[in-house]
Structure formats: structure tokens, C-alpha cells
Amino acid sequence: KDVHTDDLIICSELSRLGRSLFMIMNILAHCLSMGVKI
């Protein structure tokens, strides 16, 4: 909710974002729509 365009989130692997593919895809789609890089 706090990130802005051109912010960058770095994590060790995608599985850290969520356990299900559906959840990870929603997170990535949300970030890409806001211009946030992962």
C-alpha cells in the first residue's frame, strides 16, 4: 500500500512473497501495474 512508481522490492526468491501461485501472481500484477519493480 505504501510503495510508489519506481520503487524496488528485493527478496531472496518469489516463494517469500506467498505460498500459492495465485497469491504471488496477484502481488506481481499489482506491483507491475503501479510501476514497482520486484
Full PDB file with SEQRES, HELIX, SHEET, SSBOND, CRYST1, ORIGX, SCALE, CONECT and MASTER records, all heavy atoms in Angstrom:
SEQRES   1 A   38  LYS ASP VAL HIS THR ASP ASP LEU ILE ILE CYS SER GLU          
SEQRES   2 A   38  LEU SER ARG LEU GLY ARG SER LEU PHE MET ILE MET ASN          
SEQRES   3 A   38  ILE LEU ALA HIS CYS LEU SER MET GLY VAL LYS ILE              
HELIX    1 AA1 LEU A   14  ARG A   16  5                                   3    
HELIX    2 AA2 LEU A   21  MET A   34  1                                  14    
CRYST1    1.000    1.000    1.000  90.00  90.00  90.00 P 1           1          
ORIGX1      1.000000  0.000000  0.000000        0.00000                         
ORIGX2      0.000000  1.000000  0.000000        0.00000                         
ORIGX3      0.000000  0.000000  1.000000        0.00000                         
SCALE1      1.000000  0.000000  0.000000        0.00000                         
SCALE2      0.000000  1.000000  0.000000        0.00000                         
SCALE3      0.000000  0.000000  1.000000        0.00000                         
ATOM      1  N   LYS A   1       0.831  -1.210   0.000  1.00  0.00           N  
ATOM      2  CA  LYS A   1       0.000   0.000   0.000  1.00  0.00           C  
ATOM      3  C   LYS A   1       0.867   1.263   0.000  1.00  0.00           C  
ATOM      4  O   LYS A   1       0.422   2.324  -0.425  1.00  0.00           O  
ATOM      5  CB  LYS A   1      -0.919   0.017   1.222  1.00  0.00           C  
ATOM      6  CG  LYS A   1      -2.034  -1.005   1.134  1.00  0.00           C  
ATOM      7  CD  LYS A   1      -2.899  -0.970   2.375  1.00  0.00           C  
ATOM      8  CE  LYS A   1      -3.972  -2.039   2.300  1.00  0.00           C  
ATOM      9  NZ  LYS A   1      -4.733  -2.163   3.537  1.00  0.00           N  
ATOM     10  N   ASP A   2       2.113   1.145   0.495  1.00  0.00           N  
ATOM     11  CA  ASP A   2       2.990   2.312   0.636  1.00  0.00           C  
ATOM     12  C   ASP A   2       3.907   2.555  -0.554  1.00  0.00           C  
ATOM     13  O   ASP A   2       4.459   3.644  -0.684  1.00  0.00           O  
ATOM     14  CB  ASP A   2       3.861   2.176   1.899  1.00  0.00           C  
ATOM     15  CG  ASP A   2       3.046   2.282   3.175  1.00  0.00           C  
ATOM     16  OD1 ASP A   2       1.910   2.789   3.104  1.00  0.00           O  
ATOM     17  OD2 ASP A   2       3.539   1.857   4.232  1.00  0.00           O  
ATOM     18  N   VAL A   3       4.127   1.550  -1.394  1.00  0.00           N  
ATOM     19  CA  VAL A   3       5.107   1.698  -2.475  1.00  0.00           C  
ATOM     20  C   VAL A   3       4.604   2.645  -3.560  1.00  0.00           C  
ATOM     21  O   VAL A   3       3.399   2.847  -3.727  1.00  0.00           O  
ATOM     22  CB  VAL A   3       5.475   0.325  -3.098  1.00  0.00           C  
ATOM     23  CG1 VAL A   3       6.299  -0.499  -2.142  1.00  0.00           C  
ATOM     24  CG2 VAL A   3       4.242  -0.423  -3.556  1.00  0.00           C  
ATOM     25  N   HIS A   4       5.557   3.218  -4.282  1.00  0.00           N  
ATOM     26  CA  HIS A   4       5.259   4.159  -5.359  1.00  0.00           C  
ATOM     27  C   HIS A   4       5.994   3.725  -6.634  1.00  0.00           C  
ATOM     28  O   HIS A   4       6.877   2.874  -6.598  1.00  0.00           O  
ATOM     29  CB  HIS A   4       5.705   5.570  -4.973  1.00  0.00           C  
ATOM     30  CG  HIS A   4       5.018   6.088  -3.754  1.00  0.00           C  
ATOM     31  ND1 HIS A   4       5.524   5.931  -2.491  1.00  0.00           N  
ATOM     32  CD2 HIS A   4       3.837   6.737  -3.607  1.00  0.00           C  
ATOM     33  CE1 HIS A   4       4.700   6.473  -1.614  1.00  0.00           C  
ATOM     34  NE2 HIS A   4       3.659   6.964  -2.257  1.00  0.00           N  
ATOM     35  N   THR A   5       5.649   4.375  -7.727  1.00  0.00           N  
ATOM     36  CA  THR A   5       6.297   4.106  -9.006  1.00  0.00           C  
ATOM     37  C   THR A   5       7.813   4.219  -8.857  1.00  0.00           C  
ATOM     38  O   THR A   5       8.312   5.126  -8.193  1.00  0.00           O  
ATOM     39  CB  THR A   5       5.798   5.107 -10.071  1.00  0.00           C  
ATOM     40  OG1 THR A   5       4.381   4.984 -10.160  1.00  0.00           O  
ATOM     41  CG2 THR A   5       6.404   4.826 -11.426  1.00  0.00           C  
ATOM     42  N   ASP A   6       8.518   3.293  -9.482  1.00  0.00           N  
ATOM     43  CA  ASP A   6       9.989   3.206  -9.494  1.00  0.00           C  
ATOM     44  C   ASP A   6      10.593   2.704  -8.188  1.00  0.00           C  
ATOM     45  O   ASP A   6      11.814   2.627  -8.064  1.00  0.00           O  
ATOM     46  CB  ASP A   6      10.643   4.542  -9.878  1.00  0.00           C  
ATOM     47  CG  ASP A   6      10.345   4.901 -11.326  1.00  0.00           C  
ATOM     48  OD1 ASP A   6      10.216   3.981 -12.156  1.00  0.00           O  
ATOM     49  OD2 ASP A   6      10.229   6.110 -11.615  1.00  0.00           O  
ATOM     50  N   ASP A   7       9.775   2.366  -7.190  1.00  0.00           N  
ATOM     51  CA  ASP A   7      10.321   1.708  -6.001  1.00  0.00           C  
ATOM     52  C   ASP A   7      10.765   0.305  -6.393  1.00  0.00           C  
ATOM     53  O   ASP A   7      10.277  -0.266  -7.373  1.00  0.00           O  
ATOM     54  CB  ASP A   7       9.275   1.634  -4.887  1.00  0.00           C  
ATOM     55  CG  ASP A   7       9.080   2.968  -4.173  1.00  0.00           C  
ATOM     56  OD1 ASP A   7       9.876   3.900  -4.413  1.00  0.00           O  
ATOM     57  OD2 ASP A   7       8.137   3.076  -3.382  1.00  0.00           O  
ATOM     58  N   LEU A   8      11.684  -0.245  -5.613  1.00  0.00           N  
ATOM     59  CA  LEU A   8      12.223  -1.577  -5.883  1.00  0.00           C  
ATOM     60  C   LEU A   8      12.116  -2.423  -4.617  1.00  0.00           C  
ATOM     61  O   LEU A   8      12.508  -1.980  -3.537  1.00  0.00           O  
ATOM     62  CB  LEU A   8      13.690  -1.474  -6.326  1.00  0.00           C  
ATOM     63  CG  LEU A   8      14.495  -2.764  -6.436  1.00  0.00           C  
ATOM     64  CD1 LEU A   8      13.894  -3.713  -7.474  1.00  0.00           C  
ATOM     65  CD2 LEU A   8      15.949  -2.464  -6.769  1.00  0.00           C  
ATOM     66  N   ILE A   9      11.551  -3.617  -4.772  1.00  0.00           N  
ATOM     67  CA  ILE A   9      11.495  -4.589  -3.672  1.00  0.00           C  
ATOM     68  C   ILE A   9      12.425  -5.731  -4.037  1.00  0.00           C  
ATOM     69  O   ILE A   9      12.278  -6.351  -5.099  1.00  0.00           O  
ATOM     70  CB  ILE A   9      10.063  -5.116  -3.454  1.00  0.00           C  
ATOM     71  CG1 ILE A   9       9.108  -3.972  -3.118  1.00  0.00           C  
ATOM     72  CG2 ILE A   9      10.045  -6.171  -2.349  1.00  0.00           C  
ATOM     73  CD1 ILE A   9       7.636  -4.371  -3.085  1.00  0.00           C  
ATOM     74  N   ILE A  10      13.372  -6.018  -3.160  1.00  0.00           N  
ATOM     75  CA  ILE A  10      14.311  -7.118  -3.391  1.00  0.00           C  
ATOM     76  C   ILE A  10      14.035  -8.192  -2.350  1.00  0.00           C  
ATOM     77  O   ILE A  10      13.963  -7.921  -1.148  1.00  0.00           O  
ATOM     78  CB  ILE A  10      15.777  -6.650  -3.269  1.00  0.00           C  
ATOM     79  CG1 ILE A  10      16.062  -5.540  -4.288  1.00  0.00           C  
ATOM     80  CG2 ILE A  10      16.738  -7.815  -3.479  1.00  0.00           C  
ATOM     81  CD1 ILE A  10      17.444  -4.927  -4.170  1.00  0.00           C  
ATOM     82  N   CYS A  11      13.855  -9.436  -2.809  1.00  0.00           N  
ATOM     83  CA  CYS A  11      13.679 -10.560  -1.883  1.00  0.00           C  
ATOM     84  C   CYS A  11      14.510 -11.735  -2.395  1.00  0.00           C  
ATOM     85  O   CYS A  11      14.973 -11.732  -3.536  1.00  0.00           O  
ATOM     86  CB  CYS A  11      12.213 -10.932  -1.719  1.00  0.00           C  
ATOM     87  SG  CYS A  11      11.365 -11.363  -3.225  1.00  0.00           S  
ATOM     88  N   SER A  12      14.709 -12.721  -1.555  1.00  0.00           N  
ATOM     89  CA  SER A  12      15.591 -13.828  -1.929  1.00  0.00           C  
ATOM     90  C   SER A  12      14.990 -14.694  -3.031  1.00  0.00           C  
ATOM     91  O   SER A  12      15.694 -15.147  -3.923  1.00  0.00           O  
ATOM     92  CB  SER A  12      15.945 -14.674  -0.702  1.00  0.00           C  
ATOM     93  OG  SER A  12      14.781 -15.271  -0.173  1.00  0.00           O  
ATOM     94  N   GLU A  13      13.664 -14.922  -2.985  1.00  0.00           N  
ATOM     95  CA  GLU A  13      13.001 -15.716  -4.019  1.00  0.00           C  
ATOM     96  C   GLU A  13      11.507 -15.426  -4.018  1.00  0.00           C  
ATOM     97  O   GLU A  13      10.967 -14.911  -3.049  1.00  0.00           O  
ATOM     98  CB  GLU A  13      13.266 -17.205  -3.814  1.00  0.00           C  
ATOM     99  CG  GLU A  13      12.873 -17.719  -2.450  1.00  0.00           C  
ATOM    100  CD  GLU A  13      13.350 -19.144  -2.201  1.00  0.00           C  
ATOM    101  OE1 GLU A  13      13.144 -19.993  -3.083  1.00  0.00           O  
ATOM    102  OE2 GLU A  13      13.922 -19.383  -1.131  1.00  0.00           O  
ATOM    103  N   LEU A  14      10.836 -15.773  -5.120  1.00  0.00           N  
ATOM    104  CA  LEU A  14       9.407 -15.485  -5.249  1.00  0.00           C  
ATOM    105  C   LEU A  14       8.574 -16.143  -4.158  1.00  0.00           C  
ATOM    106  O   LEU A  14       7.565 -15.589  -3.735  1.00  0.00           O  
ATOM    107  CB  LEU A  14       8.892 -15.949  -6.622  1.00  0.00           C  
ATOM    108  CG  LEU A  14       9.149 -15.021  -7.797  1.00  0.00           C  
ATOM    109  CD1 LEU A  14       8.596 -15.623  -9.080  1.00  0.00           C  
ATOM    110  CD2 LEU A  14       8.566 -13.641  -7.575  1.00  0.00           C  
ATOM    111  N   SER A  15       8.988 -17.307  -3.688  1.00  0.00           N  
ATOM    112  CA  SER A  15       8.204 -18.026  -2.679  1.00  0.00           C  
ATOM    113  C   SER A  15       8.111 -17.254  -1.364  1.00  0.00           C  
ATOM    114  O   SER A  15       7.265 -17.546  -0.529  1.00  0.00           O  
ATOM    115  CB  SER A  15       8.784 -19.411  -2.424  1.00  0.00           C  
ATOM    116  OG  SER A  15      10.050 -19.302  -1.809  1.00  0.00           O  
ATOM    117  N   ARG A  16       8.986 -16.265  -1.160  1.00  0.00           N  
ATOM    118  CA  ARG A  16       8.914 -15.439   0.052  1.00  0.00           C  
ATOM    119  C   ARG A  16       7.695 -14.526   0.014  1.00  0.00           C  
ATOM    120  O   ARG A  16       7.201 -14.095   1.041  1.00  0.00           O  
ATOM    121  CB  ARG A  16      10.177 -14.588   0.234  1.00  0.00           C  
ATOM    122  CG  ARG A  16      11.468 -15.374   0.406  1.00  0.00           C  
ATOM    123  CD  ARG A  16      11.473 -16.277   1.618  1.00  0.00           C  
ATOM    124  NE  ARG A  16      10.929 -17.591   1.333  1.00  0.00           N  
ATOM    125  CZ  ARG A  16      10.357 -18.385   2.210  1.00  0.00           C  
ATOM    126  NH1 ARG A  16      10.200 -18.022   3.451  1.00  0.00           N  
ATOM    127  NH2 ARG A  16       9.908 -19.569   1.881  1.00  0.00           N  
ATOM    128  N   LEU A  17       7.201 -14.220  -1.200  1.00  0.00           N  
ATOM    129  CA  LEU A  17       6.035 -13.339  -1.323  1.00  0.00           C  
ATOM    130  C   LEU A  17       4.753 -14.053  -0.928  1.00  0.00           C  
ATOM    131  O   LEU A  17       3.836 -13.447  -0.394  1.00  0.00           O  
ATOM    132  CB  LEU A  17       5.913 -12.814  -2.759  1.00  0.00           C  
ATOM    133  CG  LEU A  17       7.089 -11.990  -3.280  1.00  0.00           C  
ATOM    134  CD1 LEU A  17       6.872 -11.628  -4.737  1.00  0.00           C  
ATOM    135  CD2 LEU A  17       7.298 -10.739  -2.437  1.00  0.00           C  
ATOM    136  N   GLY A  18       4.659 -15.343  -1.226  1.00  0.00           N  
ATOM    137  CA  GLY A  18       3.458 -16.099  -0.904  1.00  0.00           C  
ATOM    138  C   GLY A  18       3.648 -17.568  -1.201  1.00  0.00           C  
ATOM    139  O   GLY A  18       4.597 -17.946  -1.886  1.00  0.00           O  
ATOM    140  N   ARG A  19       2.730 -18.390  -0.695  1.00  0.00           N  
ATOM    141  CA  ARG A  19       2.868 -19.833  -0.871  1.00  0.00           C  
ATOM    142  C   ARG A  19       2.126 -20.353  -2.097  1.00  0.00           C  
ATOM    143  O   ARG A  19       2.449 -21.403  -2.615  1.00  0.00           O  
ATOM    144  CB  ARG A  19       2.362 -20.564   0.374  1.00  0.00           C  
ATOM    145  CG  ARG A  19       3.186 -20.304   1.603  1.00  0.00           C  
ATOM    146  CD  ARG A  19       4.589 -20.788   1.481  1.00  0.00           C  
ATOM    147  NE  ARG A  19       4.635 -22.243   1.430  1.00  0.00           N  
ATOM    148  CZ  ARG A  19       5.690 -22.945   1.073  1.00  0.00           C  
ATOM    149  NH1 ARG A  19       6.788 -22.348   0.723  1.00  0.00           N  
ATOM    150  NH2 ARG A  19       5.645 -24.250   1.065  1.00  0.00           N  
ATOM    151  N   SER A  20       1.120 -19.612  -2.548  1.00  0.00           N  
ATOM    152  CA  SER A  20       0.376 -20.102  -3.711  1.00  0.00           C  
ATOM    153  C   SER A  20       0.723 -19.269  -4.933  1.00  0.00           C  
ATOM    154  O   SER A  20       1.020 -18.078  -4.840  1.00  0.00           O  
ATOM    155  CB  SER A  20      -1.133 -20.037  -3.459  1.00  0.00           C  
ATOM    156  OG  SER A  20      -1.579 -18.699  -3.499  1.00  0.00           O  
ATOM    157  N   LEU A  21       0.673 -19.921  -6.087  1.00  0.00           N  
ATOM    158  CA  LEU A  21       0.957 -19.243  -7.338  1.00  0.00           C  
ATOM    159  C   LEU A  21      -0.017 -18.092  -7.546  1.00  0.00           C  
ATOM    160  O   LEU A  21       0.348 -17.014  -7.998  1.00  0.00           O  
ATOM    161  CB  LEU A  21       0.866 -20.245  -8.499  1.00  0.00           C  
ATOM    162  CG  LEU A  21       1.145 -19.682  -9.882  1.00  0.00           C  
ATOM    163  CD1 LEU A  21       2.541 -19.117  -9.980  1.00  0.00           C  
ATOM    164  CD2 LEU A  21       0.934 -20.761 -10.942  1.00  0.00           C  
ATOM    165  N   PHE A  22      -1.273 -18.315  -7.184  1.00  0.00           N  
ATOM    166  CA  PHE A  22      -2.314 -17.295  -7.349  1.00  0.00           C  
ATOM    167  C   PHE A  22      -1.962 -16.037  -6.550  1.00  0.00           C  
ATOM    168  O   PHE A  22      -2.056 -14.924  -7.056  1.00  0.00           O  
ATOM    169  CB  PHE A  22      -3.662 -17.870  -6.914  1.00  0.00           C  
ATOM    170  CG  PHE A  22      -4.823 -16.949  -7.133  1.00  0.00           C  
ATOM    171  CD1 PHE A  22      -5.227 -16.608  -8.411  1.00  0.00           C  
ATOM    172  CD2 PHE A  22      -5.512 -16.422  -6.054  1.00  0.00           C  
ATOM    173  CE1 PHE A  22      -6.297 -15.757  -8.615  1.00  0.00           C  
ATOM    174  CE2 PHE A  22      -6.581 -15.566  -6.248  1.00  0.00           C  
ATOM    175  CZ  PHE A  22      -6.967 -15.233  -7.532  1.00  0.00           C  
ATOM    176  N   MET A  23      -1.536 -16.203  -5.295  1.00  0.00           N  
ATOM    177  CA  MET A  23      -1.178 -15.059  -4.461  1.00  0.00           C  
ATOM    178  C   MET A  23       0.029 -14.323  -5.037  1.00  0.00           C  
ATOM    179  O   MET A  23       0.034 -13.089  -5.124  1.00  0.00           O  
ATOM    180  CB  MET A  23      -0.888 -15.493  -3.025  1.00  0.00           C  
ATOM    181  CG  MET A  23      -0.531 -14.335  -2.103  1.00  0.00           C  
ATOM    182  SD  MET A  23      -0.114 -14.859  -0.430  1.00  0.00           S  
ATOM    183  CE  MET A  23      -1.732 -15.115   0.245  1.00  0.00           C  
ATOM    184  N   ILE A  24       1.052 -15.074  -5.440  1.00  0.00           N  
ATOM    185  CA  ILE A  24       2.260 -14.456  -5.996  1.00  0.00           C  
ATOM    186  C   ILE A  24       1.916 -13.679  -7.263  1.00  0.00           C  
ATOM    187  O   ILE A  24       2.370 -12.548  -7.461  1.00  0.00           O  
ATOM    188  CB  ILE A  24       3.341 -15.523  -6.275  1.00  0.00           C  
ATOM    189  CG1 ILE A  24       3.838 -16.114  -4.948  1.00  0.00           C  
ATOM    190  CG2 ILE A  24       4.498 -14.923  -7.060  1.00  0.00           C  
ATOM    191  CD1 ILE A  24       4.722 -17.332  -5.096  1.00  0.00           C  
ATOM    192  N   MET A  25       1.095 -14.270  -8.131  1.00  0.00           N  
ATOM    193  CA  MET A  25       0.714 -13.596  -9.372  1.00  0.00           C  
ATOM    194  C   MET A  25      -0.035 -12.299  -9.073  1.00  0.00           C  
ATOM    195  O   MET A  25       0.190 -11.291  -9.733  1.00  0.00           O  
ATOM    196  CB  MET A  25      -0.147 -14.509 -10.243  1.00  0.00           C  
ATOM    197  CG  MET A  25       0.649 -15.617 -10.887  1.00  0.00           C  
ATOM    198  SD  MET A  25      -0.270 -16.539 -12.122  1.00  0.00           S  
ATOM    199  CE  MET A  25      -1.789 -16.911 -11.313  1.00  0.00           C  
ATOM    200  N   ASN A  26      -0.921 -12.310  -8.095  1.00  0.00           N  
ATOM    201  CA  ASN A  26      -1.655 -11.089  -7.737  1.00  0.00           C  
ATOM    202  C   ASN A  26      -0.714 -10.007  -7.229  1.00  0.00           C  
ATOM    203  O   ASN A  26      -0.871  -8.833  -7.564  1.00  0.00           O  
ATOM    204  CB  ASN A  26      -2.726 -11.390  -6.687  1.00  0.00           C  
ATOM    205  CG  ASN A  26      -3.973 -11.991  -7.295  1.00  0.00           C  
ATOM    206  OD1 ASN A  26      -4.273 -11.777  -8.463  1.00  0.00           O  
ATOM    207  ND2 ASN A  26      -4.703 -12.751  -6.511  1.00  0.00           N  
ATOM    208  N   ILE A  27       0.265 -10.400  -6.417  1.00  0.00           N  
ATOM    209  CA  ILE A  27       1.235  -9.437  -5.887  1.00  0.00           C  
ATOM    210  C   ILE A  27       2.055  -8.840  -7.027  1.00  0.00           C  
ATOM    211  O   ILE A  27       2.231  -7.621  -7.128  1.00  0.00           O  
ATOM    212  CB  ILE A  27       2.156 -10.097  -4.839  1.00  0.00           C  
ATOM    213  CG1 ILE A  27       1.345 -10.440  -3.587  1.00  0.00           C  
ATOM    214  CG2 ILE A  27       3.335  -9.195  -4.500  1.00  0.00           C  
ATOM    215  CD1 ILE A  27       2.054 -11.351  -2.608  1.00  0.00           C  
ATOM    216  N   LEU A  28       2.551  -9.706  -7.922  1.00  0.00           N  
ATOM    217  CA  LEU A  28       3.364  -9.231  -9.036  1.00  0.00           C  
ATOM    218  C   LEU A  28       2.554  -8.350  -9.975  1.00  0.00           C  
ATOM    219  O   LEU A  28       3.028  -7.301 -10.423  1.00  0.00           O  
ATOM    220  CB  LEU A  28       3.967 -10.416  -9.799  1.00  0.00           C  
ATOM    221  CG  LEU A  28       4.956 -11.270  -9.004  1.00  0.00           C  
ATOM    222  CD1 LEU A  28       5.427 -12.450  -9.837  1.00  0.00           C  
ATOM    223  CD2 LEU A  28       6.140 -10.451  -8.539  1.00  0.00           C  
ATOM    224  N   ALA A  29       1.324  -8.749 -10.272  1.00  0.00           N  
ATOM    225  CA  ALA A  29       0.472  -7.948 -11.153  1.00  0.00           C  
ATOM    226  C   ALA A  29       0.205  -6.576 -10.532  1.00  0.00           C  
ATOM    227  O   ALA A  29       0.232  -5.552 -11.226  1.00  0.00           O  
ATOM    228  CB  ALA A  29      -0.830  -8.681 -11.438  1.00  0.00           C  
ATOM    229  N   HIS A  30      -0.041  -6.541  -9.210  1.00  0.00           N  
ATOM    230  CA  HIS A  30      -0.272  -5.274  -8.501  1.00  0.00           C  
ATOM    231  C   HIS A  30       0.962  -4.372  -8.625  1.00  0.00           C  
ATOM    232  O   HIS A  30       0.842  -3.187  -8.945  1.00  0.00           O  
ATOM    233  CB  HIS A  30      -0.592  -5.554  -7.031  1.00  0.00           C  
ATOM    234  CG  HIS A  30      -0.629  -4.331  -6.174  1.00  0.00           C  
ATOM    235  ND1 HIS A  30      -1.687  -3.450  -6.164  1.00  0.00           N  
ATOM    236  CD2 HIS A  30       0.294  -3.825  -5.307  1.00  0.00           C  
ATOM    237  CE1 HIS A  30      -1.426  -2.459  -5.328  1.00  0.00           C  
ATOM    238  NE2 HIS A  30      -0.234  -2.672  -4.787  1.00  0.00           N  
ATOM    239  N   CYS A  31       2.131  -4.942  -8.378  1.00  0.00           N  
ATOM    240  CA  CYS A  31       3.364  -4.153  -8.440  1.00  0.00           C  
ATOM    241  C   CYS A  31       3.627  -3.643  -9.859  1.00  0.00           C  
ATOM    242  O   CYS A  31       3.985  -2.477 -10.048  1.00  0.00           O  
ATOM    243  CB  CYS A  31       4.551  -4.984  -7.945  1.00  0.00           C  
ATOM    244  SG  CYS A  31       4.512  -5.260  -6.159  1.00  0.00           S  
ATOM    245  N   LEU A  32       3.456  -4.517 -10.841  1.00  0.00           N  
ATOM    246  CA  LEU A  32       3.704  -4.099 -12.214  1.00  0.00           C  
ATOM    247  C   LEU A  32       2.736  -3.010 -12.654  1.00  0.00           C  
ATOM    248  O   LEU A  32       3.112  -2.089 -13.379  1.00  0.00           O  
ATOM    249  CB  LEU A  32       3.622  -5.312 -13.151  1.00  0.00           C  
ATOM    250  CG  LEU A  32       4.771  -6.317 -12.991  1.00  0.00           C  
ATOM    251  CD1 LEU A  32       4.496  -7.576 -13.784  1.00  0.00           C  
ATOM    252  CD2 LEU A  32       6.083  -5.695 -13.426  1.00  0.00           C  
ATOM    253  N   SER A  33       1.484  -3.091 -12.194  1.00  0.00           N  
ATOM    254  CA  SER A  33       0.500  -2.064 -12.573  1.00  0.00           C  
ATOM    255  C   SER A  33       0.849  -0.710 -11.950  1.00  0.00           C  
ATOM    256  O   SER A  33       0.477   0.334 -12.472  1.00  0.00           O  
ATOM    257  CB  SER A  33      -0.911  -2.487 -12.159  1.00  0.00           C  
ATOM    258  OG  SER A  33      -1.044  -2.443 -10.757  1.00  0.00           O  
ATOM    259  N   MET A  34       1.562  -0.732 -10.813  1.00  0.00           N  
ATOM    260  CA  MET A  34       1.951   0.513 -10.145  1.00  0.00           C  
ATOM    261  C   MET A  34       3.337   0.996 -10.565  1.00  0.00           C  
ATOM    262  O   MET A  34       3.788   2.045 -10.117  1.00  0.00           O  
ATOM    263  CB  MET A  34       1.926   0.310  -8.626  1.00  0.00           C  
ATOM    264  CG  MET A  34       0.546   0.087  -8.064  1.00  0.00           C  
ATOM    265  SD  MET A  34       0.577   0.068  -6.266  1.00  0.00           S  
ATOM    266  CE  MET A  34       1.105   1.736  -5.908  1.00  0.00           C  
ATOM    267  N   GLY A  35       4.018   0.203 -11.379  1.00  0.00           N  
ATOM    268  CA  GLY A  35       5.368   0.587 -11.787  1.00  0.00           C  
ATOM    269  C   GLY A  35       6.413   0.292 -10.736  1.00  0.00           C  
ATOM    270  O   GLY A  35       7.491   0.890 -10.707  1.00  0.00           O  
ATOM    271  N   VAL A  36       6.102  -0.637  -9.836  1.00  0.00           N  
ATOM    272  CA  VAL A  36       7.042  -1.051  -8.782  1.00  0.00           C  
ATOM    273  C   VAL A  36       7.805  -2.266  -9.278  1.00  0.00           C  
ATOM    274  O   VAL A  36       7.217  -3.202  -9.819  1.00  0.00           O  
ATOM    275  CB  VAL A  36       6.281  -1.377  -7.474  1.00  0.00           C  
ATOM    276  CG1 VAL A  36       7.222  -1.933  -6.426  1.00  0.00           C  
ATOM    277  CG2 VAL A  36       5.556  -0.154  -6.955  1.00  0.00           C  
ATOM    278  N   LYS A  37       9.122  -2.254  -9.105  1.00  0.00           N  
ATOM    279  CA  LYS A  37       9.953  -3.362  -9.568  1.00  0.00           C  
ATOM    280  C   LYS A  37      10.151  -4.378  -8.440  1.00  0.00           C  
ATOM    281  O   LYS A  37      10.269  -3.996  -7.281  1.00  0.00           O  
ATOM    282  CB  LYS A  37      11.310  -2.848 -10.045  1.00  0.00           C  
ATOM    283  CG  LYS A  37      11.204  -1.949 -11.279  1.00  0.00           C  
ATOM    284  CD  LYS A  37      12.520  -1.344 -11.624  1.00  0.00           C  
ATOM    285  CE  LYS A  37      12.649  -0.083 -10.818  1.00  0.00           C  
ATOM    286  NZ  LYS A  37      13.437   0.978 -11.268  1.00  0.00           N  
ATOM    287  N   ILE A  38      10.181  -5.639  -8.816  1.00  0.00           N  
ATOM    288  CA  ILE A  38      10.499  -6.711  -7.866  1.00  0.00           C  
ATOM    289  C   ILE A  38      11.647  -7.518  -8.444  1.00  0.00           C  
ATOM    290  O   ILE A  38      11.564  -8.003  -9.578  1.00  0.00           O  
ATOM    291  CB  ILE A  38       9.296  -7.634  -7.606  1.00  0.00           C  
ATOM    292  CG1 ILE A  38       8.166  -6.864  -6.925  1.00  0.00           C  
ATOM    293  CG2 ILE A  38       9.710  -8.825  -6.744  1.00  0.00           C  
ATOM    294  CD1 ILE A  38       6.995  -7.707  -6.496  1.00  0.00           C  
TER     295      ILE A  38                                                      
MASTER        0    0    0    2    0    0    0    6  294    1    0    3          
END                                                                             
